[in-house]
Amino acid sequence: MSIARDEVAVWQRNSVRSAAMLLPVAAVAALAASKWPMIGSSAGRLGEADAVWMTVAVFFACMTWVCSATAQQGAVVRALPPGRLLAAQFAASAANHVLPAGVGGNAVNLRFLVRHGMTPSRSLGALAVRASAAALSRVVLLLALLALFPNALQLHRVAPDGFVPPADPMMISAVALAVLVAGFVVWRYAGRARERVRVFLASVAEDVRTLHRDRARIAALWGGSLAFPMMHALVVVAVVRAVHAPVPVSGVLVAYFFASTAAGWMPTPAGLGSLDAALALALVTAGAGGVAATSAVLGYRLVTTWLPLIPGVVMLAVLVKRREL
C-alpha cells in the first residue's frame, strides 16, 4: 500500500508539472491560430529580409553562448575547461527549448558542473548565483533604458486616439492560466520545501561571499550576465533592420527588455509564445506595424531557436556520449 501511495504522489507531482508546461503553451498556440493570416504575411516579409543584417543577427546569437559561458564560469570558484563549457552552453540552449523557465538548460549545466568535480549542492548554488545575477542584470538594464529613453514605447500606437481596444480573450486566458498554475504550484509545494530552501540559501550566500573576493570572477559573472540579454536585444535590432521596420534602436532595446522581463512570468519553454506575443506588442508600441513586428519576432526566433536547435541537440548527444554530462 505504501508503494502504491508513493506512486500516486509521484504521478500527481508529474501531472502538475506537465500542466504548468503545457497549458500556457496551448493557450498561446490558440492565440497564434487566431492570428494566422497576419503570421502568414509576416513570414512572407521575413523571406525578403536583408541578408547582411540577418548575418549580423546570427553573429549576435552566437555571442549569447559566449556570454552564457562567461557568466557560468564567474558563478563558480574552480576553473572550468573553456571549450567544453562553451559547448555545454550551446547544448543547454537546445534543452531550454523543450522545458520551461530554463529547466532544461539548468539541468545540462548542473550535470556539467557535477561531472567536473563540484558537489550537487555547490552546483545548484552556482546556478542560483548565476540566475540571480541574470535576473538583476535584466532589471537594471531595463530601468537604465527606460531612464534614458522614457518615450520609447507609446501605448497610443496600439490604441489610436487614446481609446484602449477590448482585450483579446485568448491573451487574457493565457495570462490568467499562467497565474493560476503558478499560484497552485507555490501553494502545493512551498510549505514542504521551506527548510530545504533555508539551508540552500545559506549555502548560496556563502558562495556569493567567496566569489566576490575574486575580481576576475566578479567581472565574469556580472559582465556575462549583463552582456547575455544585451546580445539577445541586438539580435532583435539586427532583425528589425533586416525587415526594414521603422523603429529606432532605442525603441527596439526598450521593447525587448520590457517584453523579456514580462515573459519571464510565463512558464513556457524558452519563452515560446509568451515572449513572442509580448515582443510583438512592444515593437508595435515602439513604432513598428503589426506585420513588421511579427516578422521581426519570427526572425528572432529563427536565429535564436530554430536554426541552432538541431546542432544543439547533436552537441548535447555528443557531450553525453563523452561523459561530459
C-alpha atoms as a PDB file:
ATOM      1  CA  MET A   1       0.000   0.000   0.000  1.00  0.00           C
ATOM      2  CA  SER A   2       2.859   2.368   0.825  1.00  0.00           C
ATOM      3  CA  ILE A   3       4.443   1.808  -2.601  1.00  0.00           C
ATOM      4  CA  ALA A   4       1.103   2.441  -4.294  1.00  0.00           C
ATOM      5  CA  ARG A   5       0.653   5.717  -2.380  1.00  0.00           C
ATOM      6  CA  ASP A   6       4.166   6.800  -3.347  1.00  0.00           C
ATOM      7  CA  GLU A   7       3.445   6.044  -6.998  1.00  0.00           C
ATOM      8  CA  VAL A   8       0.229   8.082  -6.840  1.00  0.00           C
ATOM      9  CA  ALA A   9       2.075  11.001  -5.227  1.00  0.00           C
ATOM     10  CA  VAL A  10       4.759  10.912  -7.937  1.00  0.00           C
ATOM     11  CA  TRP A  11       2.064  10.772 -10.632  1.00  0.00           C
ATOM     12  CA  GLN A  12       0.295  13.788  -9.095  1.00  0.00           C
ATOM     13  CA  ARG A  13       3.523  15.824  -8.962  1.00  0.00           C
ATOM     14  CA  ASN A  14       4.327  14.962 -12.565  1.00  0.00           C
ATOM     15  CA  SER A  15       0.785  15.898 -13.616  1.00  0.00           C
ATOM     16  CA  VAL A  16       1.078  19.328 -12.003  1.00  0.00           C
ATOM     17  CA  ARG A  17       4.424  19.953 -13.657  1.00  0.00           C
ATOM     18  CA  SER A  18       3.107  18.817 -17.029  1.00  0.00           C
ATOM     19  CA  ALA A  19       0.127  21.160 -16.679  1.00  0.00           C
ATOM     20  CA  ALA A  20       2.449  24.022 -15.778  1.00  0.00           C
ATOM     21  CA  MET A  21       4.349  23.411 -19.004  1.00  0.00           C
ATOM     22  CA  LEU A  22       1.594  22.517 -21.456  1.00  0.00           C
ATOM     23  CA  LEU A  23      -1.417  24.657 -20.560  1.00  0.00           C
ATOM     24  CA  PRO A  24       0.205  28.058 -21.177  1.00  0.00           C
ATOM     25  CA  VAL A  25       1.707  26.719 -24.404  1.00  0.00           C
ATOM     26  CA  ALA A  26      -1.724  25.511 -25.547  1.00  0.00           C
ATOM     27  CA  ALA A  27      -3.313  28.872 -24.739  1.00  0.00           C
ATOM     28  CA  VAL A  28      -0.659  30.760 -26.685  1.00  0.00           C
ATOM     29  CA  ALA A  29      -0.963  28.294 -29.599  1.00  0.00           C
ATOM     30  CA  ALA A  30      -4.694  29.026 -29.770  1.00  0.00           C
ATOM     31  CA  LEU A  31      -3.909  32.729 -29.803  1.00  0.00           C
ATOM     32  CA  ALA A  32      -1.446  32.214 -32.670  1.00  0.00           C
ATOM     33  CA  ALA A  33      -4.056  30.246 -34.615  1.00  0.00           C
ATOM     34  CA  SER A  34      -6.499  33.153 -34.320  1.00  0.00           C
ATOM     35  CA  LYS A  35      -3.833  35.492 -35.790  1.00  0.00           C
ATOM     36  CA  TRP A  36      -2.664  33.112 -38.516  1.00  0.00           C
ATOM     37  CA  PRO A  37      -3.320  35.416 -41.532  1.00  0.00           C
ATOM     38  CA  MET A  38      -1.033  38.099 -40.064  1.00  0.00           C
ATOM     39  CA  ILE A  39       1.611  35.477 -39.255  1.00  0.00           C
ATOM     40  CA  GLY A  40       1.493  34.262 -42.873  1.00  0.00           C
ATOM     41  CA  SER A  41       2.010  37.787 -44.217  1.00  0.00           C
ATOM     42  CA  SER A  42       4.838  38.355 -41.766  1.00  0.00           C
ATOM     43  CA  ALA A  43       6.599  35.146 -42.827  1.00  0.00           C
ATOM     44  CA  GLY A  44       6.462  36.357 -46.422  1.00  0.00           C
ATOM     45  CA  ARG A  45       8.061  39.645 -45.414  1.00  0.00           C
ATOM     46  CA  LEU A  46      10.766  37.807 -43.500  1.00  0.00           C
ATOM     47  CA  GLY A  47      11.567  35.887 -46.681  1.00  0.00           C
ATOM     48  CA  GLU A  48      12.562  39.220 -48.253  1.00  0.00           C
ATOM     49  CA  ALA A  49      14.750  40.285 -45.324  1.00  0.00           C
ATOM     50  CA  ASP A  50      18.180  41.834 -45.866  1.00  0.00           C
ATOM     51  CA  ALA A  51      20.767  39.018 -45.834  1.00  0.00           C
ATOM     52  CA  VAL A  52      23.556  41.159 -44.383  1.00  0.00           C
ATOM     53  CA  TRP A  53      21.508  42.200 -41.365  1.00  0.00           C
ATOM     54  CA  MET A  54      20.357  38.598 -40.836  1.00  0.00           C
ATOM     55  CA  THR A  55      24.019  37.540 -40.815  1.00  0.00           C
ATOM     56  CA  VAL A  56      24.686  40.180 -38.158  1.00  0.00           C
ATOM     57  CA  ALA A  57      21.790  38.734 -36.176  1.00  0.00           C
ATOM     58  CA  VAL A  58      23.342  35.257 -36.383  1.00  0.00           C
ATOM     59  CA  PHE A  59      26.634  36.664 -35.076  1.00  0.00           C
ATOM     60  CA  PHE A  60      24.958  38.231 -32.041  1.00  0.00           C
ATOM     61  CA  ALA A  61      23.053  34.972 -31.432  1.00  0.00           C
ATOM     62  CA  CYS A  62      26.360  33.076 -31.334  1.00  0.00           C
ATOM     63  CA  MET A  63      27.718  35.629 -28.872  1.00  0.00           C
ATOM     64  CA  THR A  64      24.906  34.776 -26.450  1.00  0.00           C
ATOM     65  CA  TRP A  65      26.553  31.377 -25.829  1.00  0.00           C
ATOM     66  CA  VAL A  66      29.917  33.035 -25.168  1.00  0.00           C
ATOM     67  CA  CYS A  67      28.269  35.378 -22.657  1.00  0.00           C
ATOM     68  CA  SER A  68      26.444  32.464 -21.054  1.00  0.00           C
ATOM     69  CA  ALA A  69      29.686  30.518 -20.652  1.00  0.00           C
ATOM     70  CA  THR A  70      31.410  33.578 -19.181  1.00  0.00           C
ATOM     71  CA  ALA A  71      28.653  34.099 -16.617  1.00  0.00           C
ATOM     72  CA  GLN A  72      28.671  30.404 -15.686  1.00  0.00           C
ATOM     73  CA  GLN A  73      32.438  30.465 -15.116  1.00  0.00           C
ATOM     74  CA  GLY A  74      32.023  33.566 -12.984  1.00  0.00           C
ATOM     75  CA  ALA A  75      29.486  31.767 -10.793  1.00  0.00           C
ATOM     76  CA  VAL A  76      31.926  29.041  -9.688  1.00  0.00           C
ATOM     77  CA  VAL A  77      35.262  29.217  -7.869  1.00  0.00           C
ATOM     78  CA  ARG A  78      37.082  26.448  -9.714  1.00  0.00           C
ATOM     79  CA  ALA A  79      38.256  26.898 -13.315  1.00  0.00           C
ATOM     80  CA  LEU A  80      36.227  25.054 -15.952  1.00  0.00           C
ATOM     81  CA  PRO A  81      37.531  23.917 -19.380  1.00  0.00           C
ATOM     82  CA  PRO A  82      36.547  26.837 -21.678  1.00  0.00           C
ATOM     83  CA  GLY A  83      35.816  24.865 -24.862  1.00  0.00           C
ATOM     84  CA  ARG A  84      33.671  22.256 -23.157  1.00  0.00           C
ATOM     85  CA  LEU A  85      31.925  24.931 -21.096  1.00  0.00           C
ATOM     86  CA  LEU A  86      31.007  26.788 -24.286  1.00  0.00           C
ATOM     87  CA  ALA A  87      29.783  23.542 -25.877  1.00  0.00           C
ATOM     88  CA  ALA A  88      27.675  22.870 -22.785  1.00  0.00           C
ATOM     89  CA  GLN A  89      26.005  26.285 -23.126  1.00  0.00           C
ATOM     90  CA  PHE A  90      25.179  25.531 -26.752  1.00  0.00           C
ATOM     91  CA  ALA A  91      23.657  22.199 -25.716  1.00  0.00           C
ATOM     92  CA  ALA A  92      21.828  23.871 -22.817  1.00  0.00           C
ATOM     93  CA  SER A  93      20.170  26.323 -25.197  1.00  0.00           C
ATOM     94  CA  ALA A  94      18.692  23.384 -27.117  1.00  0.00           C
ATOM     95  CA  ALA A  95      17.483  21.772 -23.877  1.00  0.00           C
ATOM     96  CA  ASN A  96      15.828  25.066 -22.906  1.00  0.00           C
ATOM     97  CA  HIS A  97      13.561  24.801 -25.945  1.00  0.00           C
ATOM     98  CA  VAL A  98      11.979  21.645 -24.519  1.00  0.00           C
ATOM     99  CA  LEU A  99      11.392  22.516 -20.848  1.00  0.00           C
ATOM    100  CA  PRO A 100      10.075  25.763 -19.314  1.00  0.00           C
ATOM    101  CA  ALA A 101      11.739  28.551 -17.360  1.00  0.00           C
ATOM    102  CA  GLY A 102      15.318  27.404 -18.023  1.00  0.00           C
ATOM    103  CA  VAL A 103      14.771  23.926 -16.535  1.00  0.00           C
ATOM    104  CA  GLY A 104      16.428  22.142 -19.468  1.00  0.00           C
ATOM    105  CA  GLY A 105      19.444  24.433 -19.579  1.00  0.00           C
ATOM    106  CA  ASN A 106      19.887  24.304 -15.816  1.00  0.00           C
ATOM    107  CA  ALA A 107      19.773  20.501 -15.894  1.00  0.00           C
ATOM    108  CA  VAL A 108      22.541  20.441 -18.512  1.00  0.00           C
ATOM    109  CA  ASN A 109      24.688  22.917 -16.567  1.00  0.00           C
ATOM    110  CA  LEU A 110      24.084  21.076 -13.299  1.00  0.00           C
ATOM    111  CA  ARG A 111      25.241  17.820 -14.845  1.00  0.00           C
ATOM    112  CA  PHE A 112      28.265  19.554 -16.392  1.00  0.00           C
ATOM    113  CA  LEU A 113      29.359  21.070 -13.074  1.00  0.00           C
ATOM    114  CA  VAL A 114      28.928  17.789 -11.212  1.00  0.00           C
ATOM    115  CA  ARG A 115      30.947  15.979 -13.892  1.00  0.00           C
ATOM    116  CA  HIS A 116      33.759  18.476 -13.339  1.00  0.00           C
ATOM    117  CA  GLY A 117      34.171  17.859  -9.641  1.00  0.00           C
ATOM    118  CA  MET A 118      31.569  20.012  -7.913  1.00  0.00           C
ATOM    119  CA  THR A 119      29.112  18.586  -5.419  1.00  0.00           C
ATOM    120  CA  PRO A 120      25.402  18.706  -6.364  1.00  0.00           C
ATOM    121  CA  SER A 121      24.662  21.276  -3.649  1.00  0.00           C
ATOM    122  CA  ARG A 122      27.523  23.538  -4.753  1.00  0.00           C
ATOM    123  CA  SER A 123      26.459  23.123  -8.371  1.00  0.00           C
ATOM    124  CA  LEU A 124      22.913  24.157  -7.520  1.00  0.00           C
ATOM    125  CA  GLY A 125      24.299  27.102  -5.595  1.00  0.00           C
ATOM    126  CA  ALA A 126      26.338  28.190  -8.616  1.00  0.00           C
ATOM    127  CA  LEU A 127      23.248  28.012 -10.814  1.00  0.00           C
ATOM    128  CA  ALA A 128      21.297  30.052  -8.262  1.00  0.00           C
ATOM    129  CA  VAL A 129      24.044  32.694  -8.127  1.00  0.00           C
ATOM    130  CA  ARG A 130      24.082  32.922 -11.906  1.00  0.00           C
ATOM    131  CA  ALA A 131      20.276  33.077 -12.137  1.00  0.00           C
ATOM    132  CA  SER A 132      20.134  35.832  -9.526  1.00  0.00           C
ATOM    133  CA  ALA A 133      22.787  37.862 -11.337  1.00  0.00           C
ATOM    134  CA  ALA A 134      20.952  37.357 -14.639  1.00  0.00           C
ATOM    135  CA  ALA A 135      17.605  38.497 -13.220  1.00  0.00           C
ATOM    136  CA  LEU A 136      19.105  41.539 -11.507  1.00  0.00           C
ATOM    137  CA  SER A 137      21.092  42.466 -14.621  1.00  0.00           C
ATOM    138  CA  ARG A 138      17.990  42.338 -16.813  1.00  0.00           C
ATOM    139  CA  VAL A 139      16.051  44.592 -14.447  1.00  0.00           C
ATOM    140  CA  VAL A 140      18.965  47.055 -14.171  1.00  0.00           C
ATOM    141  CA  LEU A 141      19.287  47.259 -17.948  1.00  0.00           C
ATOM    142  CA  LEU A 142      15.542  47.760 -18.360  1.00  0.00           C
ATOM    143  CA  LEU A 143      15.443  50.554 -15.776  1.00  0.00           C
ATOM    144  CA  ALA A 144      18.510  52.225 -17.301  1.00  0.00           C
ATOM    145  CA  LEU A 145      16.984  52.141 -20.793  1.00  0.00           C
ATOM    146  CA  LEU A 146      13.659  53.486 -19.521  1.00  0.00           C
ATOM    147  CA  ALA A 147      15.518  56.324 -17.806  1.00  0.00           C
ATOM    148  CA  LEU A 148      17.461  57.127 -20.991  1.00  0.00           C
ATOM    149  CA  PHE A 149      14.530  56.707 -23.382  1.00  0.00           C
ATOM    150  CA  PRO A 150      11.328  57.317 -21.394  1.00  0.00           C
ATOM    151  CA  ASN A 151       9.212  57.816 -24.531  1.00  0.00           C
ATOM    152  CA  ALA A 152      10.481  54.814 -26.481  1.00  0.00           C
ATOM    153  CA  LEU A 153       7.181  52.935 -26.075  1.00  0.00           C
ATOM    154  CA  GLN A 154       3.907  54.707 -26.839  1.00  0.00           C
ATOM    155  CA  LEU A 155       0.626  52.977 -25.990  1.00  0.00           C
ATOM    156  CA  HIS A 156      -1.330  55.183 -28.373  1.00  0.00           C
ATOM    157  CA  ARG A 157       0.365  53.315 -31.238  1.00  0.00           C
ATOM    158  CA  VAL A 158      -1.609  50.256 -30.147  1.00  0.00           C
ATOM    159  CA  ALA A 159      -4.734  52.194 -29.176  1.00  0.00           C
ATOM    160  CA  PRO A 160      -5.235  55.146 -31.566  1.00  0.00           C
ATOM    161  CA  ASP A 161      -6.999  58.291 -30.297  1.00  0.00           C
ATOM    162  CA  GLY A 162      -6.350  57.280 -26.708  1.00  0.00           C
ATOM    163  CA  PHE A 163      -9.011  54.543 -26.618  1.00  0.00           C
ATOM    164  CA  VAL A 164      -7.877  51.150 -25.472  1.00  0.00           C
ATOM    165  CA  PRO A 165      -9.489  48.393 -27.564  1.00  0.00           C
ATOM    166  CA  PRO A 166     -11.155  45.436 -25.883  1.00  0.00           C
ATOM    167  CA  ALA A 167      -8.580  42.957 -24.649  1.00  0.00           C
ATOM    168  CA  ASP A 168      -8.075  39.791 -26.665  1.00  0.00           C
ATOM    169  CA  PRO A 169      -9.902  36.975 -24.808  1.00  0.00           C
ATOM    170  CA  MET A 170      -7.187  34.468 -25.718  1.00  0.00           C
ATOM    171  CA  MET A 171      -4.463  36.687 -24.269  1.00  0.00           C
ATOM    172  CA  ILE A 172      -6.463  37.198 -21.065  1.00  0.00           C
ATOM    173  CA  SER A 173      -6.949  33.430 -20.825  1.00  0.00           C
ATOM    174  CA  ALA A 174      -3.230  32.756 -21.313  1.00  0.00           C
ATOM    175  CA  VAL A 175      -2.188  35.243 -18.624  1.00  0.00           C
ATOM    176  CA  ALA A 176      -4.867  34.097 -16.160  1.00  0.00           C
ATOM    177  CA  LEU A 177      -3.951  30.457 -16.740  1.00  0.00           C
ATOM    178  CA  ALA A 178      -0.260  31.114 -16.102  1.00  0.00           C
ATOM    179  CA  VAL A 179      -1.043  32.979 -12.864  1.00  0.00           C
ATOM    180  CA  LEU A 180      -3.360  30.216 -11.618  1.00  0.00           C
ATOM    181  CA  VAL A 181      -0.907  27.411 -12.389  1.00  0.00           C
ATOM    182  CA  ALA A 182       1.996  29.290 -10.767  1.00  0.00           C
ATOM    183  CA  GLY A 183      -0.117  30.038  -7.692  1.00  0.00           C
ATOM    184  CA  PHE A 184      -1.193  26.414  -7.309  1.00  0.00           C
ATOM    185  CA  VAL A 185       2.367  25.102  -7.628  1.00  0.00           C
ATOM    186  CA  VAL A 186       3.611  27.560  -4.984  1.00  0.00           C
ATOM    187  CA  TRP A 187       0.722  26.695  -2.636  1.00  0.00           C
ATOM    188  CA  ARG A 188       1.210  22.956  -3.153  1.00  0.00           C
ATOM    189  CA  TYR A 189       4.946  22.677  -2.672  1.00  0.00           C
ATOM    190  CA  ALA A 190       6.298  25.788  -0.898  1.00  0.00           C
ATOM    191  CA  GLY A 191       5.488  24.600   2.617  1.00  0.00           C
ATOM    192  CA  ARG A 192       7.269  21.268   2.211  1.00  0.00           C
ATOM    193  CA  ALA A 193      10.413  22.823   0.780  1.00  0.00           C
ATOM    194  CA  ARG A 194      10.808  25.671   3.292  1.00  0.00           C
ATOM    195  CA  GLU A 195      13.574  24.102   5.400  1.00  0.00           C
ATOM    196  CA  ARG A 196      15.485  22.864   2.372  1.00  0.00           C
ATOM    197  CA  VAL A 197      15.265  26.328   0.845  1.00  0.00           C
ATOM    198  CA  ARG A 198      16.631  27.908   4.031  1.00  0.00           C
ATOM    199  CA  VAL A 199      19.671  25.600   4.074  1.00  0.00           C
ATOM    200  CA  PHE A 200      20.182  26.062   0.361  1.00  0.00           C
ATOM    201  CA  LEU A 201      20.069  29.868   0.600  1.00  0.00           C
ATOM    202  CA  ALA A 202      22.665  29.800   3.372  1.00  0.00           C
ATOM    203  CA  SER A 203      24.949  27.791   1.096  1.00  0.00           C
ATOM    204  CA  VAL A 204      24.351  30.229  -1.781  1.00  0.00           C
ATOM    205  CA  ALA A 205      25.167  33.197   0.472  1.00  0.00           C
ATOM    206  CA  GLU A 206      28.489  31.594   1.373  1.00  0.00           C
ATOM    207  CA  ASP A 207      29.263  31.008  -2.322  1.00  0.00           C
ATOM    208  CA  VAL A 208      28.458  34.638  -3.130  1.00  0.00           C
ATOM    209  CA  ARG A 209      30.830  35.885  -0.427  1.00  0.00           C
ATOM    210  CA  THR A 210      33.594  33.615  -1.729  1.00  0.00           C
ATOM    211  CA  LEU A 211      33.108  34.625  -5.365  1.00  0.00           C
ATOM    212  CA  HIS A 212      33.096  38.333  -4.654  1.00  0.00           C
ATOM    213  CA  ARG A 213      36.570  38.139  -3.134  1.00  0.00           C
ATOM    214  CA  ASP A 214      37.875  37.348  -6.639  1.00  0.00           C
ATOM    215  CA  ARG A 215      37.825  40.291  -9.070  1.00  0.00           C
ATOM    216  CA  ALA A 216      38.110  38.042 -12.115  1.00  0.00           C
ATOM    217  CA  ARG A 217      35.055  36.051 -11.026  1.00  0.00           C
ATOM    218  CA  ILE A 218      33.113  39.270 -10.345  1.00  0.00           C
ATOM    219  CA  ALA A 219      33.923  40.560 -13.826  1.00  0.00           C
ATOM    220  CA  ALA A 220      32.975  37.263 -15.468  1.00  0.00           C
ATOM    221  CA  LEU A 221      29.723  36.829 -13.548  1.00  0.00           C
ATOM    222  CA  TRP A 222      28.375  40.352 -13.909  1.00  0.00           C
ATOM    223  CA  GLY A 223      29.905  41.039 -17.311  1.00  0.00           C
ATOM    224  CA  GLY A 224      28.439  37.855 -18.765  1.00  0.00           C
ATOM    225  CA  SER A 225      25.095  38.413 -17.045  1.00  0.00           C
ATOM    226  CA  LEU A 226      24.795  41.944 -18.420  1.00  0.00           C
ATOM    227  CA  ALA A 227      26.046  41.050 -21.902  1.00  0.00           C
ATOM    228  CA  PHE A 228      23.807  37.986 -22.379  1.00  0.00           C
ATOM    229  CA  PRO A 229      20.437  39.816 -22.595  1.00  0.00           C
ATOM    230  CA  MET A 230      22.096  42.673 -24.483  1.00  0.00           C
ATOM    231  CA  MET A 231      23.224  40.216 -27.185  1.00  0.00           C
ATOM    232  CA  HIS A 232      19.640  38.976 -27.466  1.00  0.00           C
ATOM    233  CA  ALA A 233      18.446  42.569 -27.751  1.00  0.00           C
ATOM    234  CA  LEU A 234      20.984  43.223 -30.514  1.00  0.00           C
ATOM    235  CA  VAL A 235      19.664  40.170 -32.372  1.00  0.00           C
ATOM    236  CA  VAL A 236      16.254  41.856 -32.379  1.00  0.00           C
ATOM    237  CA  VAL A 237      17.824  45.139 -33.513  1.00  0.00           C
ATOM    238  CA  ALA A 238      19.505  43.403 -36.455  1.00  0.00           C
ATOM    239  CA  VAL A 239      16.326  41.536 -37.448  1.00  0.00           C
ATOM    240  CA  VAL A 240      14.259  44.735 -37.245  1.00  0.00           C
ATOM    241  CA  ARG A 241      16.758  46.346 -39.603  1.00  0.00           C
ATOM    242  CA  ALA A 242      16.611  43.286 -41.865  1.00  0.00           C
ATOM    243  CA  VAL A 243      12.827  43.544 -42.302  1.00  0.00           C
ATOM    244  CA  HIS A 244      13.046  47.343 -42.757  1.00  0.00           C
ATOM    245  CA  ALA A 245      10.817  48.189 -39.792  1.00  0.00           C
ATOM    246  CA  PRO A 246      10.901  51.945 -38.968  1.00  0.00           C
ATOM    247  CA  VAL A 247      11.840  51.536 -35.308  1.00  0.00           C
ATOM    248  CA  PRO A 248      14.832  53.342 -33.706  1.00  0.00           C
ATOM    249  CA  VAL A 249      17.443  51.268 -31.922  1.00  0.00           C
ATOM    250  CA  SER A 250      16.426  52.754 -28.566  1.00  0.00           C
ATOM    251  CA  GLY A 251      12.831  51.636 -29.127  1.00  0.00           C
ATOM    252  CA  VAL A 252      13.890  48.100 -30.038  1.00  0.00           C
ATOM    253  CA  LEU A 253      16.113  47.805 -26.965  1.00  0.00           C
ATOM    254  CA  VAL A 254      13.399  49.008 -24.586  1.00  0.00           C
ATOM    255  CA  ALA A 255      10.821  46.798 -26.322  1.00  0.00           C
ATOM    256  CA  TYR A 256      12.976  43.683 -25.954  1.00  0.00           C
ATOM    257  CA  PHE A 257      13.855  44.199 -22.293  1.00  0.00           C
ATOM    258  CA  PHE A 258      10.288  45.113 -21.403  1.00  0.00           C
ATOM    259  CA  ALA A 259       8.902  42.059 -23.236  1.00  0.00           C
ATOM    260  CA  SER A 260      11.511  39.593 -21.956  1.00  0.00           C
ATOM    261  CA  THR A 261      11.038  40.735 -18.366  1.00  0.00           C
ATOM    262  CA  ALA A 262       7.257  40.367 -18.641  1.00  0.00           C
ATOM    263  CA  ALA A 263       7.532  36.988 -20.392  1.00  0.00           C
ATOM    264  CA  GLY A 264       9.666  35.646 -17.549  1.00  0.00           C
ATOM    265  CA  TRP A 265       6.439  35.164 -15.571  1.00  0.00           C
ATOM    266  CA  MET A 266       5.046  32.761 -18.184  1.00  0.00           C
ATOM    267  CA  PRO A 267       6.361  29.189 -17.667  1.00  0.00           C
ATOM    268  CA  THR A 268       6.755  28.254 -21.344  1.00  0.00           C
ATOM    269  CA  PRO A 269       9.799  26.558 -22.930  1.00  0.00           C
ATOM    270  CA  ALA A 270      12.389  29.256 -23.818  1.00  0.00           C
ATOM    271  CA  GLY A 271       9.582  31.823 -23.537  1.00  0.00           C
ATOM    272  CA  LEU A 272       7.953  30.392 -26.672  1.00  0.00           C
ATOM    273  CA  GLY A 273       4.630  32.112 -27.196  1.00  0.00           C
ATOM    274  CA  SER A 274       4.810  34.393 -24.172  1.00  0.00           C
ATOM    275  CA  LEU A 275       7.925  36.268 -25.308  1.00  0.00           C
ATOM    276  CA  ASP A 276       6.712  36.288 -28.920  1.00  0.00           C
ATOM    277  CA  ALA A 277       3.398  37.935 -28.074  1.00  0.00           C
ATOM    278  CA  ALA A 278       4.945  40.412 -25.630  1.00  0.00           C
ATOM    279  CA  LEU A 279       7.762  41.341 -28.020  1.00  0.00           C
ATOM    280  CA  ALA A 280       5.436  41.845 -30.984  1.00  0.00           C
ATOM    281  CA  LEU A 281       3.203  44.128 -28.906  1.00  0.00           C
ATOM    282  CA  ALA A 282       6.186  46.043 -27.525  1.00  0.00           C
ATOM    283  CA  LEU A 283       7.613  46.569 -31.017  1.00  0.00           C
ATOM    284  CA  VAL A 284       4.269  47.967 -32.158  1.00  0.00           C
ATOM    285  CA  THR A 285       4.335  50.454 -29.278  1.00  0.00           C
ATOM    286  CA  ALA A 286       7.876  51.353 -30.383  1.00  0.00           C
ATOM    287  CA  GLY A 287       6.679  52.252 -33.870  1.00  0.00           C
ATOM    288  CA  ALA A 288       6.551  49.055 -35.958  1.00  0.00           C
ATOM    289  CA  GLY A 289       3.497  47.987 -37.910  1.00  0.00           C
ATOM    290  CA  GLY A 290       1.756  44.756 -36.973  1.00  0.00           C
ATOM    291  CA  VAL A 291       3.174  42.764 -39.899  1.00  0.00           C
ATOM    292  CA  ALA A 292       6.680  44.200 -39.453  1.00  0.00           C
ATOM    293  CA  ALA A 293       6.660  43.480 -35.706  1.00  0.00           C
ATOM    294  CA  THR A 294       5.540  39.887 -36.282  1.00  0.00           C
ATOM    295  CA  SER A 295       8.211  39.471 -38.989  1.00  0.00           C
ATOM    296  CA  ALA A 296      10.856  40.671 -36.557  1.00  0.00           C
ATOM    297  CA  VAL A 297       9.695  38.206 -33.904  1.00  0.00           C
ATOM    298  CA  LEU A 298       9.708  35.344 -36.423  1.00  0.00           C
ATOM    299  CA  GLY A 299      13.218  36.320 -37.500  1.00  0.00           C
ATOM    300  CA  TYR A 300      14.385  36.487 -33.898  1.00  0.00           C
ATOM    301  CA  ARG A 301      13.017  33.007 -33.261  1.00  0.00           C
ATOM    302  CA  LEU A 302      14.543  31.669 -36.466  1.00  0.00           C
ATOM    303  CA  VAL A 303      18.016  32.872 -35.480  1.00  0.00           C
ATOM    304  CA  THR A 304      17.961  32.090 -31.750  1.00  0.00           C
ATOM    305  CA  THR A 305      15.765  28.990 -31.613  1.00  0.00           C
ATOM    306  CA  TRP A 306      15.116  27.050 -34.803  1.00  0.00           C
ATOM    307  CA  LEU A 307      18.446  27.270 -36.652  1.00  0.00           C
ATOM    308  CA  PRO A 308      20.547  26.240 -33.603  1.00  0.00           C
ATOM    309  CA  LEU A 309      18.100  23.567 -32.441  1.00  0.00           C
ATOM    310  CA  ILE A 310      19.339  20.541 -34.416  1.00  0.00           C
ATOM    311  CA  PRO A 311      23.068  21.340 -33.950  1.00  0.00           C
ATOM    312  CA  GLY A 312      22.379  21.937 -30.261  1.00  0.00           C
ATOM    313  CA  VAL A 313      20.681  18.556 -29.874  1.00  0.00           C
ATOM    314  CA  VAL A 314      23.608  16.902 -31.681  1.00  0.00           C
ATOM    315  CA  MET A 315      26.057  18.664 -29.359  1.00  0.00           C
ATOM    316  CA  LEU A 316      24.009  17.529 -26.364  1.00  0.00           C
ATOM    317  CA  ALA A 317      24.215  13.924 -27.556  1.00  0.00           C
ATOM    318  CA  VAL A 318      27.976  14.207 -28.149  1.00  0.00           C
ATOM    319  CA  LEU A 319      28.593  15.615 -24.662  1.00  0.00           C
ATOM    320  CA  VAL A 320      26.526  12.835 -23.108  1.00  0.00           C
ATOM    321  CA  LYS A 321      28.420  10.196 -25.110  1.00  0.00           C
ATOM    322  CA  ARG A 322      31.763  11.651 -23.987  1.00  0.00           C
ATOM    323  CA  ARG A 323      30.538  11.664 -20.388  1.00  0.00           C
ATOM    324  CA  GLU A 324      30.809  15.433 -20.092  1.00  0.00           C
ATOM    325  CA  LEU A 325      27.149  15.430 -18.988  1.00  0.00           C
END
